[in-house]
Structures are given as structure tokens and as C-alpha cells.
Amino acid sequence: MTDTAPQDSSTSTDQSSHYILNREYFTECFDQSADTTVSLKTYRLAILLIIMSAVLFIVEAEPHIAWFLLALGAVELLSIRYKRSWWVARQMLSRRANSRVNVRIDEQGIYTDSKHHQQSILWDDIAELKTTEKGFIVIHKGGTNYLSRTGLDKDFLALLNDKSNAIT
């Protein structure tokens, strides 16, 4: 995440910045926005896979399928235990890793654009704009996005805070 600069000097509320989607950004994104509560519901799929494999072992069905389901259950348990590392590693393996994302905010909404994806989130489409310790969670019709405070200048943050107060 690097410097910010006004994109159009004629509009004081039009701000832009850019981020590099690197390991630090993905880690911050996960830490600030992911639900890390662990309950029985979290383990539901792993338990189901292990039970299905146990049933197949008991009825002496095809052992390859039973072993496969048992392995899937183990992988699911590992993905729960190492949820953060698992998610960050998957993001780092994606084609978006280490790419630059330009972010622009104005009176109409928040706009992001990179080599692989363009998105516009209009203020009318935003249901909630949560402020976190290190950024903002934008909940909108199309899903949820995270916007880090790092690299954003004071005007950009002030506009986001104003919009956050207006939405909630």
C-alpha cells in the first residue's frame, strides 16, 4: 500500500489511492474481516466426512472411497485449524497476488480497478460500512469488501468516516 493523491483537483471529495495485494495486505484483510469463531458448526463438514468414511469402513465397501473421504475430513480439519494461513496462501496463489489495485472514492461511491477486476460500489448499494481498527468493512448488495486505512490520506479517511456515519 502506497501513496495517495487527489485524482481530480477540481473535486475535493474525489480521492484515489492504490494497494498492492501482497501477503501483508491479505493478512490484514483476514485479521480485520474474517469470522474466527470456532463452534460445532465449524466442524460440521469434517465430522460428516469422517463419519461417512467410518461407515464405509464398517460395511466393508470400496476402501479407496473410504480412505478418500477420511483424507478429505483430515484436510478439512487442517483448514479449520490453520484457517488464516490457508486463506492467505490461497490468495497468494491466485492470479491477483502482487497486483496493483487502484481505489477511488467520490460522492457516488467507491471504485476499484486492477488488471484482473473492476468494481464499483455505489453509496446507495452499501448496507453497512463498519469501521475496524485498521480499515473499513464495506457490506453491499454484491458481497463484502475490506478497505485498509494504510496508505490513505486524511481527506480520504474523513470522507469514509462521514459516509460511515451517514449509512449507519
N, C-alpha and C. Protein backbone atom coordinates (compact mmCIF):
# COMPACT_ATOMS: atom_id res chain seq x y z
N MET A 1 0.85 -1.15 0.00
CA MET A 1 0.00 0.00 0.00
C MET A 1 0.90 1.22 0.00
N THR A 2 0.59 2.13 -0.87
CA THR A 2 1.49 3.26 -1.01
C THR A 2 0.75 4.57 -1.01
N ASP A 3 1.36 5.53 -1.63
CA ASP A 3 0.90 6.91 -1.57
C ASP A 3 -0.49 7.12 -2.15
N THR A 4 -1.06 8.25 -1.74
CA THR A 4 -2.35 8.66 -2.27
C THR A 4 -2.21 10.06 -2.85
N ALA A 5 -3.07 10.37 -3.77
CA ALA A 5 -3.06 11.71 -4.34
C ALA A 5 -4.44 12.00 -4.89
N PRO A 6 -4.86 13.26 -4.81
CA PRO A 6 -6.15 13.58 -5.41
C PRO A 6 -6.11 13.28 -6.90
N GLN A 7 -7.16 12.64 -7.39
CA GLN A 7 -7.20 12.30 -8.80
C GLN A 7 -7.62 13.50 -9.63
N ASP A 8 -8.51 14.31 -9.12
CA ASP A 8 -9.01 15.46 -9.85
C ASP A 8 -9.02 16.63 -8.89
N SER A 9 -8.19 17.61 -9.13
CA SER A 9 -8.06 18.71 -8.19
C SER A 9 -9.31 19.60 -8.17
N SER A 10 -10.20 19.47 -9.14
CA SER A 10 -11.41 20.30 -9.17
C SER A 10 -12.48 19.79 -8.21
N THR A 11 -12.38 18.55 -7.79
CA THR A 11 -13.35 17.96 -6.87
C THR A 11 -12.64 17.55 -5.60
N SER A 12 -12.94 18.25 -4.51
CA SER A 12 -12.22 17.97 -3.27
C SER A 12 -12.61 16.65 -2.65
N THR A 13 -13.78 16.10 -3.00
CA THR A 13 -14.20 14.83 -2.41
C THR A 13 -13.81 13.64 -3.27
N ASP A 14 -13.09 13.85 -4.33
CA ASP A 14 -12.66 12.76 -5.22
C ASP A 14 -11.23 12.40 -4.84
N GLN A 15 -11.04 11.26 -4.20
CA GLN A 15 -9.73 10.84 -3.72
C GLN A 15 -9.37 9.52 -4.35
N SER A 16 -8.07 9.28 -4.53
CA SER A 16 -7.65 7.98 -5.06
C SER A 16 -6.40 7.51 -4.34
N SER A 17 -6.20 6.22 -4.40
CA SER A 17 -5.07 5.56 -3.77
C SER A 17 -4.84 4.25 -4.50
N HIS A 18 -3.82 3.53 -4.10
CA HIS A 18 -3.66 2.19 -4.65
C HIS A 18 -3.04 1.29 -3.60
N TYR A 19 -3.30 0.00 -3.76
CA TYR A 19 -2.78 -1.03 -2.88
C TYR A 19 -2.07 -2.07 -3.73
N ILE A 20 -1.13 -2.73 -3.12
CA ILE A 20 -0.51 -3.91 -3.72
C ILE A 20 -1.05 -5.10 -2.95
N LEU A 21 -1.65 -6.04 -3.64
CA LEU A 21 -2.23 -7.21 -2.98
C LEU A 21 -1.13 -8.21 -2.65
N ASN A 22 -0.43 -7.93 -1.56
CA ASN A 22 0.66 -8.78 -1.12
C ASN A 22 0.27 -9.50 0.17
N ARG A 23 1.18 -10.28 0.70
CA ARG A 23 0.91 -11.07 1.91
C ARG A 23 0.47 -10.19 3.07
N GLU A 24 1.09 -9.04 3.25
CA GLU A 24 0.73 -8.16 4.37
C GLU A 24 -0.72 -7.67 4.24
N TYR A 25 -1.09 -7.29 3.02
CA TYR A 25 -2.45 -6.81 2.80
C TYR A 25 -3.46 -7.93 3.04
N PHE A 26 -3.20 -9.12 2.51
CA PHE A 26 -4.12 -10.24 2.70
C PHE A 26 -4.22 -10.63 4.17
N THR A 27 -3.12 -10.60 4.89
CA THR A 27 -3.14 -10.92 6.32
C THR A 27 -3.98 -9.91 7.08
N GLU A 28 -3.78 -8.63 6.79
CA GLU A 28 -4.58 -7.59 7.44
C GLU A 28 -6.06 -7.76 7.11
N CYS A 29 -6.34 -8.04 5.86
CA CYS A 29 -7.72 -8.23 5.42
C CYS A 29 -8.38 -9.37 6.20
N PHE A 30 -7.69 -10.50 6.33
CA PHE A 30 -8.24 -11.64 7.06
C PHE A 30 -8.44 -11.28 8.53
N ASP A 31 -7.41 -10.70 9.15
CA ASP A 31 -7.48 -10.37 10.58
C ASP A 31 -8.61 -9.41 10.90
N GLN A 32 -8.88 -8.47 10.01
CA GLN A 32 -9.89 -7.45 10.28
C GLN A 32 -11.31 -7.87 9.89
N SER A 33 -11.45 -8.81 8.96
CA SER A 33 -12.79 -9.08 8.45
C SER A 33 -13.30 -10.50 8.62
N ALA A 34 -12.44 -11.45 8.90
CA ALA A 34 -12.89 -12.85 8.95
C ALA A 34 -13.55 -13.19 10.28
N ASP A 35 -14.53 -14.06 10.20
CA ASP A 35 -15.19 -14.59 11.39
C ASP A 35 -14.36 -15.78 11.87
N THR A 36 -13.70 -15.61 13.01
CA THR A 36 -12.81 -16.66 13.51
C THR A 36 -13.40 -17.42 14.70
N THR A 37 -14.71 -17.31 14.90
CA THR A 37 -15.32 -18.06 15.98
C THR A 37 -15.35 -19.54 15.62
N VAL A 38 -15.02 -20.37 16.59
CA VAL A 38 -14.98 -21.81 16.38
C VAL A 38 -16.10 -22.44 17.20
N SER A 39 -16.95 -23.19 16.51
CA SER A 39 -18.06 -23.87 17.17
C SER A 39 -18.24 -25.24 16.52
N LEU A 40 -19.21 -25.97 16.99
CA LEU A 40 -19.51 -27.28 16.41
C LEU A 40 -19.91 -27.13 14.95
N LYS A 41 -20.58 -26.04 14.61
CA LYS A 41 -20.99 -25.79 13.23
C LYS A 41 -19.76 -25.67 12.31
N THR A 42 -18.68 -25.14 12.83
CA THR A 42 -17.44 -25.00 12.06
C THR A 42 -16.90 -26.36 11.64
N TYR A 43 -17.04 -27.34 12.51
CA TYR A 43 -16.51 -28.68 12.27
C TYR A 43 -17.49 -29.61 11.58
N ARG A 44 -18.67 -29.12 11.21
CA ARG A 44 -19.74 -29.95 10.67
C ARG A 44 -19.30 -30.78 9.46
N LEU A 45 -18.68 -30.17 8.47
CA LEU A 45 -18.28 -30.90 7.26
C LEU A 45 -17.21 -31.95 7.57
N ALA A 46 -16.23 -31.59 8.40
CA ALA A 46 -15.18 -32.54 8.76
C ALA A 46 -15.76 -33.75 9.48
N ILE A 47 -16.68 -33.50 10.41
CA ILE A 47 -17.31 -34.60 11.15
C ILE A 47 -18.11 -35.49 10.20
N LEU A 48 -18.86 -34.88 9.29
CA LEU A 48 -19.66 -35.63 8.33
C LEU A 48 -18.77 -36.51 7.44
N LEU A 49 -17.68 -35.98 6.94
CA LEU A 49 -16.77 -36.76 6.09
C LEU A 49 -16.15 -37.93 6.85
N ILE A 50 -15.77 -37.70 8.10
CA ILE A 50 -15.16 -38.77 8.91
C ILE A 50 -16.19 -39.85 9.24
N ILE A 51 -17.42 -39.44 9.55
CA ILE A 51 -18.47 -40.43 9.82
C ILE A 51 -18.78 -41.25 8.58
N MET A 52 -18.87 -40.59 7.42
CA MET A 52 -19.13 -41.32 6.18
C MET A 52 -18.02 -42.31 5.88
N SER A 53 -16.77 -41.91 6.11
CA SER A 53 -15.67 -42.85 5.87
C SER A 53 -15.72 -44.01 6.86
N ALA A 54 -16.07 -43.74 8.11
CA ALA A 54 -16.18 -44.81 9.12
C ALA A 54 -17.27 -45.81 8.72
N VAL A 55 -18.40 -45.30 8.23
CA VAL A 55 -19.49 -46.18 7.79
C VAL A 55 -19.01 -47.06 6.63
N LEU A 56 -18.30 -46.47 5.69
CA LEU A 56 -17.80 -47.25 4.56
C LEU A 56 -16.79 -48.31 5.00
N PHE A 57 -15.97 -47.99 6.01
CA PHE A 57 -15.03 -48.99 6.54
C PHE A 57 -15.79 -50.12 7.22
N ILE A 58 -16.85 -49.77 7.97
CA ILE A 58 -17.62 -50.77 8.72
C ILE A 58 -18.35 -51.72 7.77
N VAL A 59 -18.98 -51.18 6.74
CA VAL A 59 -19.72 -52.04 5.81
C VAL A 59 -18.80 -52.68 4.77
N GLU A 60 -17.54 -52.46 4.90
CA GLU A 60 -16.52 -53.03 4.02
C GLU A 60 -16.82 -52.75 2.55
N ALA A 61 -17.18 -51.51 2.29
CA ALA A 61 -17.41 -51.08 0.91
C ALA A 61 -16.06 -50.78 0.28
N GLU A 62 -16.07 -50.13 -0.83
CA GLU A 62 -14.84 -49.80 -1.55
C GLU A 62 -13.88 -49.03 -0.63
N PRO A 63 -12.72 -49.62 -0.30
CA PRO A 63 -11.81 -48.96 0.65
C PRO A 63 -11.20 -47.66 0.11
N HIS A 64 -11.05 -47.56 -1.21
CA HIS A 64 -10.46 -46.35 -1.78
C HIS A 64 -11.34 -45.12 -1.49
N ILE A 65 -12.64 -45.31 -1.60
CA ILE A 65 -13.57 -44.21 -1.33
C ILE A 65 -13.54 -43.84 0.14
N ALA A 66 -13.48 -44.84 1.01
CA ALA A 66 -13.43 -44.59 2.45
C ALA A 66 -12.16 -43.82 2.82
N TRP A 67 -11.03 -44.24 2.27
CA TRP A 67 -9.78 -43.54 2.55
C TRP A 67 -9.80 -42.12 1.99
N PHE A 68 -10.41 -41.97 0.81
CA PHE A 68 -10.51 -40.65 0.21
C PHE A 68 -11.34 -39.71 1.09
N LEU A 69 -12.49 -40.19 1.58
CA LEU A 69 -13.33 -39.37 2.45
C LEU A 69 -12.64 -39.06 3.77
N LEU A 70 -11.89 -40.03 4.29
CA LEU A 70 -11.13 -39.80 5.52
C LEU A 70 -10.07 -38.73 5.29
N ALA A 71 -9.39 -38.78 4.16
CA ALA A 71 -8.38 -37.78 3.84
C ALA A 71 -9.02 -36.39 3.67
N LEU A 72 -10.18 -36.34 3.02
CA LEU A 72 -10.89 -35.07 2.89
C LEU A 72 -11.27 -34.50 4.26
N GLY A 73 -11.72 -35.37 5.16
CA GLY A 73 -12.04 -34.94 6.51
C GLY A 73 -10.83 -34.38 7.23
N ALA A 74 -9.69 -35.03 7.04
CA ALA A 74 -8.45 -34.55 7.67
C ALA A 74 -8.03 -33.20 7.09
N VAL A 75 -8.15 -33.05 5.78
CA VAL A 75 -7.82 -31.76 5.15
C VAL A 75 -8.76 -30.67 5.65
N GLU A 76 -10.03 -31.00 5.81
CA GLU A 76 -10.99 -30.03 6.32
C GLU A 76 -10.64 -29.62 7.75
N LEU A 77 -10.23 -30.59 8.59
CA LEU A 77 -9.80 -30.26 9.96
C LEU A 77 -8.58 -29.35 9.94
N LEU A 78 -7.64 -29.63 9.05
CA LEU A 78 -6.45 -28.78 8.94
C LEU A 78 -6.83 -27.37 8.46
N SER A 79 -7.79 -27.28 7.55
CA SER A 79 -8.19 -25.96 7.05
C SER A 79 -8.87 -25.13 8.14
N ILE A 80 -9.52 -25.79 9.08
CA ILE A 80 -10.13 -25.08 10.21
C ILE A 80 -9.05 -24.63 11.18
N ARG A 81 -8.14 -25.53 11.48
CA ARG A 81 -7.06 -25.23 12.44
C ARG A 81 -6.15 -24.12 11.92
N TYR A 82 -5.83 -24.16 10.64
CA TYR A 82 -4.92 -23.18 10.04
C TYR A 82 -5.68 -22.28 9.07
N LYS A 83 -6.84 -21.80 9.50
CA LYS A 83 -7.75 -21.04 8.65
C LYS A 83 -7.07 -19.80 8.05
N ARG A 84 -6.38 -19.06 8.88
CA ARG A 84 -5.73 -17.83 8.42
C ARG A 84 -4.64 -18.13 7.41
N SER A 85 -3.73 -19.02 7.74
CA SER A 85 -2.65 -19.38 6.84
C SER A 85 -3.18 -19.96 5.54
N TRP A 86 -4.21 -20.79 5.66
CA TRP A 86 -4.83 -21.44 4.50
C TRP A 86 -5.41 -20.39 3.56
N TRP A 87 -6.14 -19.41 4.12
CA TRP A 87 -6.77 -18.38 3.31
C TRP A 87 -5.71 -17.49 2.65
N VAL A 88 -4.72 -17.06 3.41
CA VAL A 88 -3.67 -16.20 2.86
C VAL A 88 -2.89 -16.93 1.76
N ALA A 89 -2.59 -18.21 1.98
CA ALA A 89 -1.87 -18.99 0.96
C ALA A 89 -2.68 -19.10 -0.32
N ARG A 90 -3.99 -19.33 -0.20
CA ARG A 90 -4.84 -19.41 -1.40
C ARG A 90 -4.86 -18.08 -2.14
N GLN A 91 -4.90 -16.98 -1.39
CA GLN A 91 -4.89 -15.67 -2.04
C GLN A 91 -3.56 -15.41 -2.74
N MET A 92 -2.46 -15.84 -2.11
CA MET A 92 -1.14 -15.63 -2.70
C MET A 92 -0.95 -16.49 -3.96
N LEU A 93 -1.69 -17.58 -4.06
CA LEU A 93 -1.61 -18.42 -5.26
C LEU A 93 -2.54 -17.94 -6.38
N SER A 94 -3.40 -17.00 -6.07
CA SER A 94 -4.34 -16.51 -7.08
C SER A 94 -3.64 -15.60 -8.07
N ARG A 95 -4.29 -15.37 -9.19
CA ARG A 95 -3.67 -14.52 -10.22
C ARG A 95 -3.63 -13.06 -9.78
N ARG A 96 -4.40 -12.69 -8.78
CA ARG A 96 -4.41 -11.30 -8.30
C ARG A 96 -3.26 -10.98 -7.36
N ALA A 97 -2.57 -11.97 -6.88
CA ALA A 97 -1.48 -11.75 -5.92
C ALA A 97 -0.42 -10.83 -6.52
N ASN A 98 0.06 -9.94 -5.70
CA ASN A 98 1.10 -8.96 -6.05
C ASN A 98 0.69 -8.02 -7.17
N SER A 99 -0.60 -7.87 -7.41
CA SER A 99 -1.04 -6.92 -8.41
C SER A 99 -1.45 -5.61 -7.73
N ARG A 100 -1.49 -4.58 -8.52
CA ARG A 100 -1.85 -3.25 -8.03
C ARG A 100 -3.35 -3.04 -8.20
N VAL A 101 -3.99 -2.52 -7.17
CA VAL A 101 -5.41 -2.20 -7.22
C VAL A 101 -5.55 -0.71 -6.96
N ASN A 102 -6.14 0.00 -7.90
CA ASN A 102 -6.41 1.43 -7.74
C ASN A 102 -7.76 1.60 -7.08
N VAL A 103 -7.82 2.46 -6.07
CA VAL A 103 -9.06 2.72 -5.34
C VAL A 103 -9.38 4.20 -5.49
N ARG A 104 -10.62 4.49 -5.83
CA ARG A 104 -11.07 5.87 -5.95
C ARG A 104 -12.38 6.00 -5.21
N ILE A 105 -12.54 7.10 -4.49
CA ILE A 105 -13.79 7.35 -3.77
C ILE A 105 -14.25 8.75 -4.14
N ASP A 106 -15.55 8.87 -4.38
CA ASP A 106 -16.13 10.18 -4.64
C ASP A 106 -17.55 10.20 -4.10
N GLU A 107 -18.32 11.20 -4.46
CA GLU A 107 -19.68 11.34 -3.94
C GLU A 107 -20.62 10.23 -4.41
N GLN A 108 -20.27 9.52 -5.49
CA GLN A 108 -21.13 8.45 -5.99
C GLN A 108 -20.83 7.11 -5.33
N GLY A 109 -19.57 6.85 -4.99
CA GLY A 109 -19.24 5.57 -4.39
C GLY A 109 -17.76 5.28 -4.34
N ILE A 110 -17.44 3.99 -4.19
CA ILE A 110 -16.06 3.50 -4.12
C ILE A 110 -15.81 2.69 -5.38
N TYR A 111 -14.70 2.97 -6.03
CA TYR A 111 -14.37 2.29 -7.29
C TYR A 111 -13.00 1.65 -7.16
N THR A 112 -12.89 0.39 -7.55
CA THR A 112 -11.60 -0.29 -7.58
C THR A 112 -11.36 -0.82 -8.98
N ASP A 113 -10.11 -0.82 -9.36
CA ASP A 113 -9.79 -1.37 -10.67
C ASP A 113 -8.37 -1.88 -10.67
N SER A 114 -8.23 -3.07 -11.25
CA SER A 114 -6.92 -3.69 -11.39
C SER A 114 -6.87 -4.36 -12.76
N LYS A 115 -5.77 -4.99 -13.03
CA LYS A 115 -5.61 -5.69 -14.30
C LYS A 115 -6.65 -6.80 -14.47
N HIS A 116 -7.10 -7.38 -13.35
CA HIS A 116 -7.97 -8.54 -13.40
C HIS A 116 -9.43 -8.27 -13.07
N HIS A 117 -9.72 -7.11 -12.47
CA HIS A 117 -11.08 -6.91 -11.97
C HIS A 117 -11.38 -5.42 -11.79
N GLN A 118 -12.58 -5.02 -12.18
CA GLN A 118 -13.06 -3.67 -11.92
C GLN A 118 -14.36 -3.79 -11.13
N GLN A 119 -14.51 -2.90 -10.15
CA GLN A 119 -15.72 -2.94 -9.34
C GLN A 119 -16.11 -1.52 -8.94
N SER A 120 -17.40 -1.28 -8.95
CA SER A 120 -17.90 0.00 -8.43
C SER A 120 -18.97 -0.33 -7.40
N ILE A 121 -18.85 0.31 -6.26
CA ILE A 121 -19.82 0.14 -5.18
C ILE A 121 -20.42 1.51 -4.92
N LEU A 122 -21.66 1.68 -5.30
CA LEU A 122 -22.32 2.96 -5.11
C LEU A 122 -22.78 3.09 -3.66
N TRP A 123 -22.81 4.34 -3.17
CA TRP A 123 -23.20 4.55 -1.77
C TRP A 123 -24.61 4.03 -1.51
N ASP A 124 -25.49 4.11 -2.51
CA ASP A 124 -26.86 3.61 -2.33
C ASP A 124 -26.91 2.10 -2.17
N ASP A 125 -25.91 1.39 -2.69
CA ASP A 125 -25.87 -0.07 -2.62
C ASP A 125 -25.23 -0.57 -1.32
N ILE A 126 -24.60 0.31 -0.57
CA ILE A 126 -23.91 -0.10 0.66
C ILE A 126 -24.91 -0.17 1.81
N ALA A 127 -25.01 -1.37 2.38
CA ALA A 127 -25.92 -1.58 3.51
C ALA A 127 -25.26 -1.16 4.82
N GLU A 128 -23.95 -1.39 4.92
CA GLU A 128 -23.24 -1.07 6.16
C GLU A 128 -21.77 -0.81 5.85
N LEU A 129 -21.20 0.15 6.55
CA LEU A 129 -19.79 0.47 6.43
C LEU A 129 -19.21 0.43 7.85
N LYS A 130 -18.63 -0.72 8.20
CA LYS A 130 -18.10 -0.93 9.55
C LYS A 130 -16.68 -0.40 9.64
N THR A 131 -16.39 0.30 10.70
CA THR A 131 -15.05 0.79 10.94
C THR A 131 -14.33 -0.21 11.83
N THR A 132 -13.16 -0.65 11.42
CA THR A 132 -12.35 -1.55 12.23
C THR A 132 -11.09 -0.81 12.68
N GLU A 133 -10.28 -1.49 13.42
CA GLU A 133 -9.04 -0.91 13.93
C GLU A 133 -8.12 -0.44 12.81
N LYS A 134 -8.06 -1.20 11.72
CA LYS A 134 -7.12 -0.90 10.65
C LYS A 134 -7.77 -0.57 9.31
N GLY A 135 -9.11 -0.50 9.26
CA GLY A 135 -9.74 -0.23 7.98
C GLY A 135 -11.24 -0.18 8.05
N PHE A 136 -11.87 -0.50 6.93
CA PHE A 136 -13.32 -0.46 6.80
C PHE A 136 -13.81 -1.75 6.15
N ILE A 137 -14.91 -2.27 6.65
CA ILE A 137 -15.57 -3.41 6.03
C ILE A 137 -16.81 -2.84 5.34
N VAL A 138 -16.87 -3.02 4.03
CA VAL A 138 -17.96 -2.48 3.22
C VAL A 138 -18.90 -3.64 2.89
N ILE A 139 -20.11 -3.60 3.45
CA ILE A 139 -21.11 -4.63 3.19
C ILE A 139 -22.12 -4.03 2.22
N HIS A 140 -22.26 -4.68 1.05
CA HIS A 140 -23.11 -4.14 -0.01
C HIS A 140 -23.88 -5.26 -0.68
N LYS A 141 -24.69 -4.90 -1.65
CA LYS A 141 -25.53 -5.87 -2.35
C LYS A 141 -24.73 -7.02 -2.96
N GLY A 142 -23.54 -6.73 -3.45
CA GLY A 142 -22.73 -7.73 -4.13
C GLY A 142 -21.85 -8.55 -3.22
N GLY A 143 -21.82 -8.27 -1.93
CA GLY A 143 -20.98 -9.03 -1.00
C GLY A 143 -20.34 -8.14 0.04
N THR A 144 -19.11 -8.49 0.40
CA THR A 144 -18.37 -7.76 1.42
C THR A 144 -16.96 -7.50 0.92
N ASN A 145 -16.47 -6.30 1.15
CA ASN A 145 -15.11 -5.93 0.78
C ASN A 145 -14.42 -5.29 1.97
N TYR A 146 -13.10 -5.34 1.96
CA TYR A 146 -12.30 -4.72 3.01
C TYR A 146 -11.46 -3.62 2.38
N LEU A 147 -11.37 -2.49 3.06
CA LEU A 147 -10.57 -1.36 2.60
C LEU A 147 -9.66 -0.94 3.74
N SER A 148 -8.36 -1.06 3.55
CA SER A 148 -7.39 -0.76 4.59
C SER A 148 -7.17 0.74 4.72
N ARG A 149 -6.91 1.20 5.94
CA ARG A 149 -6.59 2.61 6.18
C ARG A 149 -5.16 2.94 5.76
N THR A 150 -4.30 1.94 5.73
CA THR A 150 -2.90 2.15 5.42
C THR A 150 -2.77 2.73 4.02
N GLY A 151 -2.04 3.80 3.91
CA GLY A 151 -1.82 4.42 2.62
C GLY A 151 -2.88 5.42 2.21
N LEU A 152 -3.92 5.59 3.01
CA LEU A 152 -4.97 6.55 2.68
C LEU A 152 -4.71 7.86 3.40
N ASP A 153 -4.88 8.97 2.70
CA ASP A 153 -4.63 10.26 3.35
C ASP A 153 -5.81 10.67 4.21
N LYS A 154 -5.65 11.76 4.95
CA LYS A 154 -6.66 12.19 5.91
C LYS A 154 -7.98 12.56 5.26
N ASP A 155 -7.94 13.16 4.07
CA ASP A 155 -9.18 13.53 3.38
C ASP A 155 -9.99 12.29 2.99
N PHE A 156 -9.29 11.28 2.52
CA PHE A 156 -9.92 10.02 2.15
C PHE A 156 -10.59 9.39 3.38
N LEU A 157 -9.87 9.34 4.48
CA LEU A 157 -10.41 8.76 5.72
C LEU A 157 -11.57 9.57 6.26
N ALA A 158 -11.48 10.90 6.17
CA ALA A 158 -12.58 11.75 6.63
C ALA A 158 -13.84 11.51 5.82
N LEU A 159 -13.69 11.38 4.50
CA LEU A 159 -14.85 11.12 3.65
C LEU A 159 -15.46 9.76 3.98
N LEU A 160 -14.63 8.74 4.18
CA LEU A 160 -15.13 7.42 4.54
C LEU A 160 -15.83 7.45 5.90
N ASN A 161 -15.26 8.16 6.86
CA ASN A 161 -15.89 8.27 8.18
C ASN A 161 -17.23 8.99 8.09
N ASP A 162 -17.30 10.06 7.28
CA ASP A 162 -18.56 10.77 7.09
C ASP A 162 -19.62 9.86 6.49
N LYS A 163 -19.23 9.12 5.45
CA LYS A 163 -20.16 8.19 4.79
C LYS A 163 -20.58 7.08 5.74
N SER A 164 -19.64 6.62 6.57
CA SER A 164 -19.93 5.57 7.54
C SER A 164 -20.99 6.04 8.53
N ASN A 165 -20.84 7.26 8.99
CA ASN A 165 -21.83 7.82 9.93
C ASN A 165 -23.17 8.04 9.27
N ALA A 166 -23.16 8.42 8.00
CA ALA A 166 -24.41 8.67 7.28
C ALA A 166 -25.17 7.37 6.99
N ILE A 167 -24.43 6.28 6.74
CA ILE A 167 -25.06 5.00 6.39
C ILE A 167 -25.66 4.34 7.62
N THR A 168 -24.95 4.37 8.75
CA THR A 168 -25.43 3.68 9.95
C THR A 168 -26.38 4.48 10.76
